[in-house]
């Protein structure tokens, strides 16, 4: 095994263990912190795939902005055990059945994934995910949709200001 494979397996194990800890943690703040660890592991996978831009955007947007929002929402909520409604047996059984169905679907997808050839997943060039190539494609091949989306975002921001403005 070379170093890339070792890093891949380490990041995969870290992502899986952290995702399990998100589900198994009793404290919601700890769950959010474990979710940040999952995002760091996924960003490591992006770097291994030579997609540095996606890795940085994943860290900035998800691990930065979204997780801070989650932490603020959790801190503002009153999470007392006494006020938490108790779930009945039917709801727990429905959750177990739906979780089992999801597990069966995931197992069938993993079995089918072995049949797919890896030819389609291979990249022709090793620099496909670099920021320079992304910028060239974005501003050369897709300049009109990029400008249309920027006008759309600008109009959405103006609309949000107008709606939020008081008389």
N, C-alpha and C. Protein backbone atom coordinates (compact mmCIF):
# COMPACT_ATOMS: atom_id res chain seq x y z
N UNK A 1 0.84 -1.19 0.00
CA UNK A 1 0.00 0.00 0.00
C UNK A 1 0.88 1.25 0.00
N UNK A 2 0.50 2.18 -0.84
CA UNK A 2 1.27 3.43 -0.86
C UNK A 2 0.63 4.44 0.08
N UNK A 3 1.23 5.61 0.18
CA UNK A 3 0.79 6.62 1.14
C UNK A 3 -0.62 7.14 0.83
N UNK A 4 -0.95 7.25 -0.45
CA UNK A 4 -2.28 7.74 -0.83
C UNK A 4 -3.37 6.79 -0.35
N UNK A 5 -3.13 5.49 -0.49
CA UNK A 5 -4.12 4.52 -0.02
C UNK A 5 -4.26 4.55 1.49
N UNK A 6 -3.16 4.72 2.19
CA UNK A 6 -3.21 4.79 3.65
C UNK A 6 -4.02 6.01 4.10
N UNK A 7 -3.77 7.16 3.45
CA UNK A 7 -4.52 8.37 3.79
C UNK A 7 -6.00 8.19 3.44
N UNK A 8 -6.28 7.55 2.30
CA UNK A 8 -7.68 7.31 1.92
C UNK A 8 -8.39 6.46 2.96
N UNK A 9 -7.79 5.37 3.37
CA UNK A 9 -8.44 4.49 4.34
C UNK A 9 -8.56 5.16 5.70
N UNK A 10 -7.57 5.96 6.08
CA UNK A 10 -7.66 6.69 7.34
C UNK A 10 -8.82 7.69 7.30
N UNK A 11 -8.92 8.46 6.20
CA UNK A 11 -10.01 9.43 6.08
C UNK A 11 -11.37 8.75 6.01
N UNK A 12 -11.43 7.59 5.35
CA UNK A 12 -12.70 6.85 5.28
C UNK A 12 -13.12 6.35 6.65
N UNK A 13 -12.18 5.80 7.39
CA UNK A 13 -12.49 5.33 8.74
C UNK A 13 -12.88 6.50 9.64
N UNK A 14 -12.17 7.62 9.52
CA UNK A 14 -12.50 8.80 10.31
C UNK A 14 -13.90 9.31 9.99
N UNK A 15 -14.25 9.33 8.70
CA UNK A 15 -15.58 9.80 8.31
C UNK A 15 -16.67 8.87 8.83
N UNK A 16 -16.45 7.57 8.74
CA UNK A 16 -17.47 6.62 9.20
C UNK A 16 -17.64 6.66 10.72
N UNK A 17 -16.53 6.68 11.45
CA UNK A 17 -16.61 6.73 12.92
C UNK A 17 -17.25 8.04 13.36
N UNK A 18 -16.88 9.15 12.72
CA UNK A 18 -17.45 10.44 13.08
C UNK A 18 -18.94 10.50 12.76
N UNK A 19 -19.34 9.92 11.63
CA UNK A 19 -20.76 9.89 11.28
C UNK A 19 -21.55 9.06 12.28
N UNK A 20 -20.97 7.95 12.73
CA UNK A 20 -21.64 7.16 13.76
C UNK A 20 -21.75 7.93 15.07
N UNK A 21 -20.71 8.66 15.40
CA UNK A 21 -20.74 9.44 16.63
C UNK A 21 -21.75 10.59 16.56
N UNK A 22 -22.00 11.11 15.34
CA UNK A 22 -23.05 12.11 15.18
C UNK A 22 -24.39 11.53 15.60
N UNK A 23 -24.63 10.28 15.22
CA UNK A 23 -25.90 9.63 15.54
C UNK A 23 -25.97 9.17 16.98
N UNK A 24 -24.86 8.74 17.54
CA UNK A 24 -24.88 8.12 18.87
C UNK A 24 -24.65 9.10 20.01
N UNK A 25 -24.23 10.32 19.73
CA UNK A 25 -23.96 11.29 20.79
C UNK A 25 -25.27 11.75 21.43
N UNK A 26 -25.27 11.80 22.74
CA UNK A 26 -26.45 12.26 23.47
C UNK A 26 -26.54 13.79 23.46
N UNK A 27 -25.40 14.44 23.48
CA UNK A 27 -25.36 15.89 23.52
C UNK A 27 -25.39 16.44 22.09
N UNK A 28 -26.34 17.32 21.74
CA UNK A 28 -26.42 17.84 20.36
C UNK A 28 -25.20 18.66 19.96
N UNK A 29 -24.56 19.34 20.89
CA UNK A 29 -23.36 20.11 20.55
C UNK A 29 -22.23 19.17 20.14
N UNK A 30 -22.10 18.04 20.85
CA UNK A 30 -21.09 17.06 20.47
C UNK A 30 -21.39 16.48 19.09
N UNK A 31 -22.68 16.27 18.77
CA UNK A 31 -23.04 15.78 17.44
C UNK A 31 -22.61 16.75 16.36
N UNK A 32 -22.79 18.04 16.59
CA UNK A 32 -22.37 19.04 15.61
C UNK A 32 -20.86 19.03 15.45
N UNK A 33 -20.13 18.88 16.55
CA UNK A 33 -18.67 18.84 16.46
C UNK A 33 -18.19 17.60 15.71
N UNK A 34 -18.86 16.46 15.92
CA UNK A 34 -18.51 15.27 15.15
C UNK A 34 -18.84 15.47 13.67
N UNK A 35 -19.92 16.20 13.37
CA UNK A 35 -20.26 16.47 11.98
C UNK A 35 -19.20 17.34 11.31
N UNK A 36 -18.62 18.25 12.06
CA UNK A 36 -17.51 19.05 11.52
C UNK A 36 -16.33 18.14 11.18
N UNK A 37 -16.08 17.14 12.01
CA UNK A 37 -15.01 16.17 11.73
C UNK A 37 -15.31 15.40 10.44
N UNK A 38 -16.58 15.05 10.23
CA UNK A 38 -16.96 14.38 8.98
C UNK A 38 -16.66 15.29 7.79
N UNK A 39 -16.97 16.57 7.90
CA UNK A 39 -16.71 17.50 6.80
C UNK A 39 -15.21 17.63 6.53
N UNK A 40 -14.39 17.61 7.56
CA UNK A 40 -12.94 17.66 7.35
C UNK A 40 -12.46 16.40 6.63
N UNK A 41 -13.01 15.24 6.98
CA UNK A 41 -12.62 13.99 6.31
C UNK A 41 -13.05 14.00 4.85
N UNK A 42 -14.23 14.53 4.58
CA UNK A 42 -14.70 14.61 3.19
C UNK A 42 -13.84 15.58 2.39
N UNK A 43 -13.42 16.68 3.02
CA UNK A 43 -12.52 17.61 2.33
C UNK A 43 -11.18 16.94 2.03
N UNK A 44 -10.72 16.08 2.94
CA UNK A 44 -9.50 15.31 2.65
C UNK A 44 -9.67 14.40 1.44
N UNK A 45 -10.85 13.80 1.30
CA UNK A 45 -11.12 12.99 0.11
C UNK A 45 -11.10 13.83 -1.15
N UNK A 46 -11.65 15.04 -1.07
CA UNK A 46 -11.62 15.93 -2.23
C UNK A 46 -10.18 16.26 -2.62
N UNK A 47 -9.33 16.48 -1.65
CA UNK A 47 -7.93 16.77 -1.96
C UNK A 47 -7.26 15.56 -2.61
N UNK A 48 -7.61 14.35 -2.14
CA UNK A 48 -7.06 13.15 -2.77
C UNK A 48 -7.54 13.00 -4.21
N UNK A 49 -8.72 13.52 -4.51
CA UNK A 49 -9.25 13.47 -5.87
C UNK A 49 -8.75 14.63 -6.73
N UNK A 50 -7.84 15.43 -6.18
CA UNK A 50 -7.26 16.58 -6.88
C UNK A 50 -8.31 17.65 -7.16
N UNK A 51 -9.24 17.83 -6.25
CA UNK A 51 -10.26 18.86 -6.36
C UNK A 51 -10.11 19.81 -5.18
N UNK A 52 -9.05 20.61 -5.22
CA UNK A 52 -8.73 21.48 -4.11
C UNK A 52 -9.79 22.54 -3.88
N UNK A 53 -10.39 23.03 -4.97
CA UNK A 53 -11.41 24.06 -4.84
C UNK A 53 -12.62 23.53 -4.07
N UNK A 54 -13.06 22.33 -4.40
CA UNK A 54 -14.19 21.73 -3.68
C UNK A 54 -13.86 21.51 -2.21
N UNK A 55 -12.63 21.13 -1.93
CA UNK A 55 -12.22 20.92 -0.54
C UNK A 55 -12.30 22.21 0.25
N UNK A 56 -11.79 23.30 -0.31
CA UNK A 56 -11.81 24.58 0.39
C UNK A 56 -13.24 25.09 0.53
N UNK A 57 -14.04 24.97 -0.52
CA UNK A 57 -15.43 25.42 -0.44
C UNK A 57 -16.20 24.59 0.58
N UNK A 58 -15.93 23.29 0.63
CA UNK A 58 -16.59 22.44 1.62
C UNK A 58 -16.24 22.88 3.03
N UNK A 59 -14.99 23.21 3.28
CA UNK A 59 -14.59 23.66 4.61
C UNK A 59 -15.19 25.02 4.95
N UNK A 60 -15.16 25.94 4.00
CA UNK A 60 -15.65 27.28 4.28
C UNK A 60 -17.17 27.29 4.46
N UNK A 61 -17.87 26.67 3.52
CA UNK A 61 -19.33 26.74 3.54
C UNK A 61 -19.92 25.83 4.60
N UNK A 62 -19.56 24.55 4.57
CA UNK A 62 -20.22 23.61 5.47
C UNK A 62 -19.62 23.64 6.87
N UNK A 63 -18.32 23.40 6.98
CA UNK A 63 -17.71 23.35 8.31
C UNK A 63 -17.68 24.73 8.95
N UNK A 64 -17.67 25.76 8.16
CA UNK A 64 -17.66 27.10 8.72
C UNK A 64 -19.05 27.66 8.95
N UNK A 65 -19.72 28.01 7.89
CA UNK A 65 -20.98 28.75 8.00
C UNK A 65 -22.14 27.90 8.50
N UNK A 66 -22.36 26.75 7.90
CA UNK A 66 -23.53 25.94 8.25
C UNK A 66 -23.40 25.40 9.67
N UNK A 67 -22.23 24.96 10.06
CA UNK A 67 -22.07 24.41 11.41
C UNK A 67 -22.19 25.48 12.48
N UNK A 68 -21.73 26.70 12.19
CA UNK A 68 -21.93 27.79 13.15
C UNK A 68 -23.42 28.07 13.30
N UNK A 69 -24.15 28.03 12.21
CA UNK A 69 -25.60 28.20 12.27
C UNK A 69 -26.24 27.10 13.10
N UNK A 70 -25.83 25.85 12.89
CA UNK A 70 -26.36 24.74 13.68
C UNK A 70 -26.07 24.94 15.17
N UNK A 71 -24.85 25.35 15.48
CA UNK A 71 -24.49 25.56 16.89
C UNK A 71 -25.34 26.66 17.53
N UNK A 72 -25.58 27.75 16.80
CA UNK A 72 -26.41 28.82 17.34
C UNK A 72 -27.85 28.35 17.54
N UNK A 73 -28.38 27.59 16.61
CA UNK A 73 -29.75 27.09 16.74
C UNK A 73 -29.85 26.15 17.95
N UNK A 74 -28.87 25.28 18.11
CA UNK A 74 -28.90 24.35 19.24
C UNK A 74 -28.79 25.10 20.56
N UNK A 75 -27.94 26.13 20.58
CA UNK A 75 -27.78 26.88 21.83
C UNK A 75 -29.02 27.69 22.16
N UNK A 76 -29.76 28.15 21.15
CA UNK A 76 -30.95 28.93 21.40
C UNK A 76 -32.15 28.08 21.78
N UNK A 77 -32.13 26.81 21.42
CA UNK A 77 -33.24 25.92 21.76
C UNK A 77 -33.13 25.50 23.22
N UNK A 78 -34.27 25.24 23.82
CA UNK A 78 -34.29 24.75 25.19
C UNK A 78 -34.44 23.24 25.13
N UNK A 79 -33.35 22.53 25.33
CA UNK A 79 -33.34 21.07 25.19
C UNK A 79 -33.36 20.39 26.54
N UNK A 80 -34.45 20.52 27.24
CA UNK A 80 -34.59 19.85 28.53
C UNK A 80 -35.19 18.48 28.32
N UNK A 81 -34.70 17.49 29.07
CA UNK A 81 -35.23 16.14 28.99
C UNK A 81 -36.67 16.07 29.51
N UNK A 82 -37.02 16.94 30.46
CA UNK A 82 -38.34 16.88 31.06
C UNK A 82 -39.42 17.31 30.07
N UNK A 83 -39.09 18.26 29.18
CA UNK A 83 -40.09 18.75 28.24
C UNK A 83 -40.10 17.97 26.94
N UNK A 84 -39.19 17.02 26.78
CA UNK A 84 -39.13 16.25 25.54
C UNK A 84 -40.29 15.25 25.50
N UNK A 85 -41.05 15.24 24.40
CA UNK A 85 -42.16 14.28 24.33
C UNK A 85 -41.64 12.85 24.18
N UNK A 86 -42.31 11.92 24.83
CA UNK A 86 -41.91 10.51 24.76
C UNK A 86 -42.48 9.88 23.50
N UNK A 87 -41.66 9.10 22.84
CA UNK A 87 -42.09 8.43 21.61
C UNK A 87 -42.76 7.11 21.96
N UNK A 88 -43.85 6.81 21.26
CA UNK A 88 -44.53 5.56 21.55
C UNK A 88 -43.89 4.40 20.80
N UNK A 89 -44.35 3.19 21.08
CA UNK A 89 -43.73 1.98 20.53
C UNK A 89 -43.94 1.90 19.02
N UNK A 90 -45.07 2.37 18.51
CA UNK A 90 -45.33 2.30 17.07
C UNK A 90 -44.35 3.19 16.29
N UNK A 91 -44.07 4.34 16.83
CA UNK A 91 -43.13 5.23 16.16
C UNK A 91 -41.72 4.65 16.15
N UNK A 92 -41.32 4.02 17.26
CA UNK A 92 -40.02 3.38 17.30
C UNK A 92 -39.95 2.21 16.32
N UNK A 93 -41.03 1.44 16.21
CA UNK A 93 -41.06 0.31 15.28
C UNK A 93 -41.01 0.80 13.84
N UNK A 94 -41.73 1.88 13.54
CA UNK A 94 -41.70 2.44 12.18
C UNK A 94 -40.29 2.93 11.84
N UNK A 95 -39.61 3.53 12.82
CA UNK A 95 -38.23 3.97 12.59
C UNK A 95 -37.29 2.81 12.33
N UNK A 96 -37.48 1.72 13.08
CA UNK A 96 -36.62 0.54 12.88
C UNK A 96 -36.88 -0.10 11.52
N UNK A 97 -38.13 -0.17 11.11
CA UNK A 97 -38.47 -0.76 9.80
C UNK A 97 -37.91 0.10 8.67
N UNK A 98 -38.08 1.42 8.76
CA UNK A 98 -37.56 2.28 7.69
C UNK A 98 -36.04 2.26 7.66
N UNK A 99 -35.39 2.17 8.83
CA UNK A 99 -33.94 2.05 8.86
C UNK A 99 -33.47 0.74 8.25
N UNK A 100 -34.20 -0.35 8.49
CA UNK A 100 -33.86 -1.64 7.87
C UNK A 100 -34.02 -1.60 6.37
N UNK A 101 -35.07 -0.93 5.89
CA UNK A 101 -35.26 -0.80 4.44
C UNK A 101 -34.12 0.01 3.82
N UNK A 102 -33.72 1.09 4.48
CA UNK A 102 -32.59 1.87 3.98
C UNK A 102 -31.32 1.04 3.95
N UNK A 103 -31.10 0.21 4.98
CA UNK A 103 -29.93 -0.65 5.01
C UNK A 103 -29.95 -1.64 3.86
N UNK A 104 -31.11 -2.23 3.56
CA UNK A 104 -31.21 -3.17 2.44
C UNK A 104 -30.92 -2.48 1.11
N UNK A 105 -31.40 -1.25 0.94
CA UNK A 105 -31.13 -0.51 -0.29
C UNK A 105 -29.64 -0.21 -0.42
N UNK A 106 -29.01 0.20 0.68
CA UNK A 106 -27.57 0.49 0.63
C UNK A 106 -26.76 -0.77 0.32
N UNK A 107 -27.14 -1.90 0.88
CA UNK A 107 -26.43 -3.16 0.59
C UNK A 107 -26.58 -3.52 -0.88
N UNK A 108 -27.78 -3.35 -1.44
CA UNK A 108 -27.96 -3.67 -2.86
C UNK A 108 -27.17 -2.71 -3.74
N UNK A 109 -27.07 -1.45 -3.33
CA UNK A 109 -26.27 -0.50 -4.11
C UNK A 109 -24.79 -0.84 -4.08
N UNK A 110 -24.31 -1.30 -2.94
CA UNK A 110 -22.90 -1.68 -2.84
C UNK A 110 -22.63 -2.90 -3.70
N UNK A 111 -23.56 -3.85 -3.74
CA UNK A 111 -23.39 -5.03 -4.59
C UNK A 111 -23.39 -4.64 -6.07
N UNK A 112 -24.24 -3.70 -6.44
CA UNK A 112 -24.28 -3.26 -7.84
C UNK A 112 -23.06 -2.43 -8.21
N UNK A 113 -22.47 -1.76 -7.24
CA UNK A 113 -21.30 -0.92 -7.52
C UNK A 113 -20.11 -1.76 -7.95
N UNK A 114 -20.04 -3.01 -7.52
CA UNK A 114 -18.94 -3.87 -7.94
C UNK A 114 -19.03 -4.22 -9.41
N UNK A 115 -20.23 -4.14 -9.99
CA UNK A 115 -20.40 -4.48 -11.39
C UNK A 115 -20.00 -3.34 -12.32
N UNK A 116 -20.00 -2.11 -11.81
CA UNK A 116 -19.68 -0.95 -12.64
C UNK A 116 -18.18 -0.92 -12.90
N UNK A 117 -17.81 -0.73 -14.13
CA UNK A 117 -16.38 -0.67 -14.44
C UNK A 117 -15.81 0.67 -14.01
N UNK A 118 -14.55 0.68 -13.71
CA UNK A 118 -13.91 1.92 -13.25
C UNK A 118 -13.39 2.75 -14.41
N UNK A 119 -13.62 2.31 -15.64
CA UNK A 119 -13.15 3.10 -16.78
C UNK A 119 -13.82 4.46 -16.82
N UNK A 120 -15.11 4.50 -16.52
CA UNK A 120 -15.82 5.77 -16.61
C UNK A 120 -15.41 6.72 -15.50
N UNK A 121 -14.90 6.20 -14.41
CA UNK A 121 -14.54 7.06 -13.28
C UNK A 121 -13.13 7.63 -13.39
N UNK A 122 -12.34 7.12 -14.31
CA UNK A 122 -10.96 7.60 -14.43
C UNK A 122 -10.91 8.93 -15.16
N UNK A 123 -10.04 9.78 -14.69
CA UNK A 123 -9.87 11.09 -15.31
C UNK A 123 -8.78 10.98 -16.37
N UNK A 124 -8.97 11.72 -17.45
CA UNK A 124 -7.96 11.72 -18.50
C UNK A 124 -6.77 12.56 -18.09
N UNK A 125 -7.03 13.71 -17.50
CA UNK A 125 -5.97 14.60 -17.07
C UNK A 125 -5.95 14.62 -15.55
N UNK A 126 -4.78 14.81 -14.98
CA UNK A 126 -4.67 14.86 -13.55
C UNK A 126 -4.98 16.21 -12.95
N UNK A 127 -5.22 17.22 -13.80
CA UNK A 127 -5.44 18.57 -13.30
C UNK A 127 -6.88 19.04 -13.52
N UNK A 128 -7.83 18.12 -13.52
CA UNK A 128 -9.20 18.48 -13.84
C UNK A 128 -9.87 19.27 -12.73
N UNK A 129 -9.49 19.08 -11.48
CA UNK A 129 -10.16 19.75 -10.38
C UNK A 129 -9.46 20.98 -9.87
N UNK A 130 -8.45 21.45 -10.57
CA UNK A 130 -7.70 22.61 -10.10
C UNK A 130 -8.49 23.90 -10.33
N UNK A 131 -8.20 24.90 -9.53
CA UNK A 131 -8.96 26.15 -9.56
C UNK A 131 -8.76 26.88 -10.89
N UNK A 132 -7.56 26.85 -11.43
CA UNK A 132 -7.29 27.54 -12.69
C UNK A 132 -8.13 26.98 -13.83
N UNK A 133 -8.21 25.66 -13.91
CA UNK A 133 -9.02 25.04 -14.96
C UNK A 133 -10.51 25.30 -14.75
N UNK A 134 -10.94 25.32 -13.49
CA UNK A 134 -12.33 25.64 -13.20
C UNK A 134 -12.66 27.07 -13.61
N UNK A 135 -11.75 27.99 -13.32
CA UNK A 135 -11.97 29.38 -13.71
C UNK A 135 -12.00 29.56 -15.22
N UNK A 136 -11.11 28.87 -15.94
CA UNK A 136 -11.12 28.96 -17.40
C UNK A 136 -12.42 28.42 -17.98
N UNK A 137 -12.89 27.29 -17.47
CA UNK A 137 -14.15 26.73 -17.96
C UNK A 137 -15.33 27.62 -17.60
N UNK A 138 -15.30 28.19 -16.40
CA UNK A 138 -16.42 29.01 -15.94
C UNK A 138 -16.52 30.31 -16.71
N UNK A 139 -15.39 30.97 -16.97
CA UNK A 139 -15.43 32.27 -17.63
C UNK A 139 -15.25 32.19 -19.14
N UNK A 140 -15.01 31.02 -19.68
CA UNK A 140 -14.87 30.89 -21.13
C UNK A 140 -16.06 30.14 -21.72
N UNK A 141 -16.32 28.95 -21.22
CA UNK A 141 -17.38 28.12 -21.79
C UNK A 141 -18.76 28.45 -21.22
N UNK A 142 -18.81 28.84 -19.97
CA UNK A 142 -20.10 29.03 -19.29
C UNK A 142 -20.27 30.46 -18.79
N UNK A 143 -19.80 31.44 -19.55
CA UNK A 143 -19.85 32.82 -19.08
C UNK A 143 -21.29 33.34 -19.05
N UNK A 144 -22.13 32.98 -20.02
CA UNK A 144 -23.51 33.48 -20.04
C UNK A 144 -24.32 32.91 -18.87
N UNK A 145 -24.32 31.59 -18.62
CA UNK A 145 -25.05 31.11 -17.43
C UNK A 145 -24.50 31.67 -16.13
N UNK A 146 -23.18 31.90 -16.06
CA UNK A 146 -22.57 32.47 -14.86
C UNK A 146 -23.09 33.89 -14.62
N UNK A 147 -23.17 34.69 -15.66
CA UNK A 147 -23.66 36.06 -15.51
C UNK A 147 -25.15 36.08 -15.21
N UNK A 148 -25.91 35.18 -15.79
CA UNK A 148 -27.35 35.09 -15.50
C UNK A 148 -27.57 34.72 -14.04
N UNK A 149 -26.78 33.77 -13.54
CA UNK A 149 -26.93 33.41 -12.13
C UNK A 149 -26.52 34.55 -11.21
N UNK A 150 -25.53 35.36 -11.60
CA UNK A 150 -25.14 36.50 -10.76
C UNK A 150 -26.25 37.54 -10.72
N UNK A 151 -26.94 37.77 -11.83
CA UNK A 151 -28.07 38.70 -11.85
C UNK A 151 -29.21 38.14 -11.00
N UNK A 152 -29.41 36.83 -11.05
CA UNK A 152 -30.45 36.19 -10.24
C UNK A 152 -30.14 36.35 -8.76
N UNK A 153 -28.89 36.12 -8.35
CA UNK A 153 -28.50 36.30 -6.95
C UNK A 153 -28.65 37.76 -6.52
N UNK A 154 -28.29 38.69 -7.39
CA UNK A 154 -28.43 40.11 -7.06
C UNK A 154 -29.89 40.48 -6.85
N UNK A 155 -30.77 39.99 -7.73
CA UNK A 155 -32.19 40.29 -7.57
C UNK A 155 -32.76 39.63 -6.31
N UNK A 156 -32.26 38.45 -5.93
CA UNK A 156 -32.71 37.80 -4.70
C UNK A 156 -32.27 38.60 -3.48
N UNK A 157 -31.05 39.14 -3.51
CA UNK A 157 -30.58 39.97 -2.39
C UNK A 157 -31.39 41.24 -2.27
N UNK A 158 -31.69 41.88 -3.40
CA UNK A 158 -32.50 43.10 -3.37
C UNK A 158 -33.90 42.77 -2.86
N UNK A 159 -34.46 41.65 -3.30
CA UNK A 159 -35.78 41.24 -2.82
C UNK A 159 -35.79 40.97 -1.33
N UNK A 160 -34.74 40.34 -0.81
CA UNK A 160 -34.67 40.06 0.62
C UNK A 160 -34.57 41.36 1.42
N UNK A 161 -33.84 42.35 0.91
CA UNK A 161 -33.74 43.65 1.59
C UNK A 161 -35.08 44.35 1.57
N UNK A 162 -35.79 44.30 0.45
CA UNK A 162 -37.08 44.98 0.34
C UNK A 162 -38.11 44.31 1.25
N UNK A 163 -38.11 42.99 1.30
CA UNK A 163 -39.06 42.29 2.15
C UNK A 163 -38.74 42.53 3.62
N UNK A 164 -37.47 42.53 3.98
CA UNK A 164 -37.08 42.70 5.37
C UNK A 164 -37.12 44.13 5.86
N UNK A 165 -37.24 45.09 4.96
CA UNK A 165 -37.23 46.49 5.36
C UNK A 165 -38.57 46.87 5.99
N UNK A 166 -38.47 47.59 7.09
CA UNK A 166 -39.69 48.05 7.76
C UNK A 166 -40.12 49.36 7.16
N UNK A 167 -41.41 49.66 7.31
CA UNK A 167 -41.93 50.91 6.77
C UNK A 167 -41.35 52.02 7.54
